[in-house]
Amino acid sequence: MGDGRFTRWLRRCLPNLGAILAFLAYLACNRILLGFFIVCPFRALTGYPCPGCGLTHAGTSLMRLDIAASLSYHALLIPVAFTLIIVLFPRGVVKTIDWARRQYWWYALLVVAILTYYGYRLHHCYPGKYPMYREHRYYIGKLDVRKRLPEVRKNLEKRLRRNK
């Protein structure tokens, strides 16, 4: 009986363990390639803030009961947190939460609200105060050929001079 429980527990935990290891590998790659830790994959790839930028700071400000700061970081923290609680709550424990989980219109409305708020912040607040700023160390910037072209030309010219 103990083996069955352990294998069920292990089957439930392995995907989470894989996700945690993948996230740690991602952070290590950021540290090695970019020279610093950046948690948001969207910002690490593009250098621009993502639609969820500021949610963590908004949550910590709300926990300190600083509502004005929380709203300035991200105004949609409450609906996003409410949705996460509903989605992550175990099934079958509370019937109201099971009912709320099946209200798919809410998810669609939340996605539209987040994207609309993101567009508003990019148009009115970018570039500005945190979190609406551009990160200058990002993956695509490291791979951008246009920025590296003068450096490549100089190296080719040096090689040509040496070969003459």
Protein backbone atom coordinates (compact mmCIF):
# COMPACT_ATOMS: atom_id res chain seq x y z
CA MET A 1 0.00 0.00 0.00
CA GLY A 2 2.87 2.37 0.77
CA ASP A 3 4.43 1.81 -2.66
CA GLY A 4 1.23 2.85 -4.45
CA ARG A 5 0.99 6.10 -2.51
CA PHE A 6 4.65 6.89 -3.11
CA THR A 7 4.44 6.26 -6.86
CA ARG A 8 1.29 8.42 -7.12
CA TRP A 9 3.04 11.17 -5.18
CA LEU A 10 6.13 10.82 -7.35
CA ARG A 11 4.05 10.98 -10.55
CA ARG A 12 2.43 14.18 -9.29
CA CYS A 13 5.72 15.78 -8.24
CA LEU A 14 7.94 14.93 -11.23
CA PRO A 15 6.39 17.49 -13.62
CA ASN A 16 6.76 20.16 -10.93
CA LEU A 17 10.36 19.12 -10.30
CA GLY A 18 11.03 19.30 -14.05
CA ALA A 19 9.53 22.78 -14.21
CA ILE A 20 11.64 23.92 -11.24
CA LEU A 21 14.82 22.52 -12.79
CA ALA A 22 14.00 24.15 -16.14
CA PHE A 23 13.45 27.50 -14.40
CA LEU A 24 16.78 27.21 -12.54
CA ALA A 25 18.54 26.37 -15.83
CA TYR A 26 16.88 29.41 -17.40
CA LEU A 27 18.14 31.64 -14.57
CA ALA A 28 21.65 30.18 -14.91
CA CYS A 29 21.62 30.89 -18.67
CA ASN A 30 20.54 34.46 -17.97
CA ARG A 31 23.37 34.89 -15.50
CA ILE A 32 25.94 33.47 -17.91
CA LEU A 33 24.76 35.03 -21.18
CA LEU A 34 23.33 38.37 -20.01
CA GLY A 35 25.46 38.90 -16.92
CA PHE A 36 22.55 39.28 -14.48
CA PHE A 37 19.38 37.55 -13.33
CA ILE A 38 16.16 38.46 -15.10
CA VAL A 39 13.11 36.42 -14.20
CA CYS A 40 10.74 37.45 -17.00
CA PRO A 41 11.45 35.43 -20.18
CA PHE A 42 9.66 38.01 -22.36
CA ARG A 43 11.91 40.81 -21.12
CA ALA A 44 15.02 38.63 -21.35
CA LEU A 45 14.22 37.83 -24.99
CA THR A 46 12.99 41.19 -26.27
CA GLY A 47 14.12 43.78 -23.73
CA TYR A 48 10.57 45.17 -23.47
CA PRO A 49 8.25 44.85 -20.46
CA CYS A 50 5.69 42.03 -20.64
CA PRO A 51 1.94 42.35 -19.94
CA GLY A 52 2.50 41.03 -16.41
CA CYS A 53 5.43 43.27 -15.52
CA GLY A 54 4.89 44.77 -12.10
CA LEU A 55 2.57 42.06 -10.71
CA THR A 56 5.12 40.86 -8.14
CA HIS A 57 5.87 44.38 -6.92
CA ALA A 58 2.14 45.12 -6.84
CA GLY A 59 1.57 42.02 -4.71
CA THR A 60 4.28 42.89 -2.21
CA SER A 61 2.98 46.47 -1.98
CA LEU A 62 -0.53 45.17 -1.37
CA MET A 63 0.77 42.89 1.40
CA ARG A 64 2.31 45.98 3.03
CA LEU A 65 -1.14 47.63 2.65
CA ASP A 66 0.30 50.28 0.32
CA ILE A 67 -2.62 50.29 -2.11
CA ALA A 68 -1.48 53.34 -4.09
CA ALA A 69 1.91 51.77 -4.85
CA SER A 70 0.24 48.46 -5.68
CA LEU A 71 -2.03 50.12 -8.23
CA SER A 72 0.87 52.06 -9.72
CA TYR A 73 2.85 48.86 -10.35
CA HIS A 74 -0.05 46.89 -11.90
CA ALA A 75 -3.74 47.76 -11.55
CA LEU A 76 -5.00 44.26 -12.42
CA LEU A 77 -3.38 42.43 -9.51
CA ILE A 78 -6.67 41.65 -7.73
CA PRO A 79 -8.41 39.97 -10.71
CA VAL A 80 -5.24 38.03 -11.60
CA ALA A 81 -4.77 36.85 -8.00
CA PHE A 82 -8.44 35.91 -7.75
CA THR A 83 -8.17 33.85 -10.94
CA LEU A 84 -4.99 32.12 -9.77
CA ILE A 85 -6.62 31.16 -6.48
CA ILE A 86 -9.58 29.68 -8.33
CA VAL A 87 -7.40 27.77 -10.79
CA LEU A 88 -4.90 26.46 -8.23
CA PHE A 89 -7.46 25.47 -5.56
CA PRO A 90 -7.96 21.68 -5.38
CA ARG A 91 -10.98 20.35 -7.26
CA GLY A 92 -13.97 19.05 -5.38
CA VAL A 93 -13.31 20.81 -2.07
CA VAL A 94 -15.62 23.80 -2.48
CA LYS A 95 -18.49 23.67 -5.00
CA THR A 96 -18.48 27.43 -5.54
CA ILE A 97 -14.84 27.34 -6.63
CA ASP A 98 -15.58 24.41 -8.96
CA TRP A 99 -18.40 26.48 -10.49
CA ALA A 100 -16.15 29.54 -10.84
CA ARG A 101 -13.45 27.45 -12.51
CA ARG A 102 -15.90 26.60 -15.34
CA GLN A 103 -16.70 30.26 -16.12
CA TYR A 104 -14.51 30.51 -19.22
CA TRP A 105 -15.83 33.96 -20.14
CA TRP A 106 -13.94 35.26 -17.09
CA TYR A 107 -10.62 33.99 -18.47
CA ALA A 108 -11.29 35.59 -21.85
CA LEU A 109 -12.29 38.87 -20.19
CA LEU A 110 -9.15 38.83 -18.04
CA VAL A 111 -6.89 38.23 -21.06
CA VAL A 112 -8.54 41.11 -22.95
CA ALA A 113 -8.23 43.37 -19.88
CA ILE A 114 -4.54 42.52 -19.40
CA LEU A 115 -3.70 43.12 -23.06
CA THR A 116 -5.67 46.38 -23.12
CA TYR A 117 -3.94 47.58 -19.95
CA TYR A 118 -0.60 46.56 -21.44
CA GLY A 119 -1.30 48.61 -24.56
CA TYR A 120 -2.33 51.58 -22.43
CA ARG A 121 0.84 51.36 -20.34
CA LEU A 122 3.06 51.06 -23.42
CA HIS A 123 1.39 54.05 -25.04
CA HIS A 124 1.19 56.34 -21.99
CA CYS A 125 3.87 55.18 -19.58
CA TYR A 126 6.67 53.76 -21.76
CA PRO A 127 9.50 54.56 -21.33
CA GLY A 128 9.04 55.75 -17.84
CA LYS A 129 9.27 54.63 -14.29
CA TYR A 130 9.54 51.02 -13.22
CA PRO A 131 8.42 48.56 -14.59
CA MET A 132 7.86 50.29 -17.95
CA TYR A 133 11.45 50.64 -19.12
CA ARG A 134 13.55 48.88 -21.74
CA GLU A 135 16.24 46.45 -20.64
CA HIS A 136 19.35 46.99 -22.76
CA ARG A 137 20.88 43.59 -22.02
CA TYR A 138 18.68 41.01 -23.74
CA TYR A 139 19.10 37.96 -25.99
CA ILE A 140 17.95 39.42 -29.32
CA GLY A 141 20.21 42.43 -28.74
CA LYS A 142 23.17 40.10 -28.35
CA LEU A 143 22.28 38.39 -31.62
CA ASP A 144 21.44 41.58 -33.56
CA VAL A 145 23.62 41.54 -36.66
CA ARG A 146 23.16 45.26 -37.36
CA LYS A 147 24.82 46.17 -34.07
CA ARG A 148 27.67 43.71 -34.62
CA LEU A 149 28.28 44.56 -38.28
CA PRO A 150 30.89 47.33 -37.66
CA GLU A 151 32.78 44.99 -35.33
CA VAL A 152 32.73 42.21 -37.94
CA ARG A 153 33.92 44.64 -40.65
CA LYS A 154 36.87 45.77 -38.50
CA ASN A 155 37.89 42.19 -37.85
CA LEU A 156 37.70 41.35 -41.57
CA GLU A 157 39.77 44.42 -42.46
CA LYS A 158 42.41 43.45 -39.91
CA ARG A 159 42.60 39.95 -41.33
CA LEU A 160 42.88 41.30 -44.88
CA ARG A 161 45.72 43.65 -43.85
CA ARG A 162 47.58 40.79 -42.18
CA ASN A 163 47.23 38.58 -45.26
CA LYS A 164 48.64 41.24 -47.66
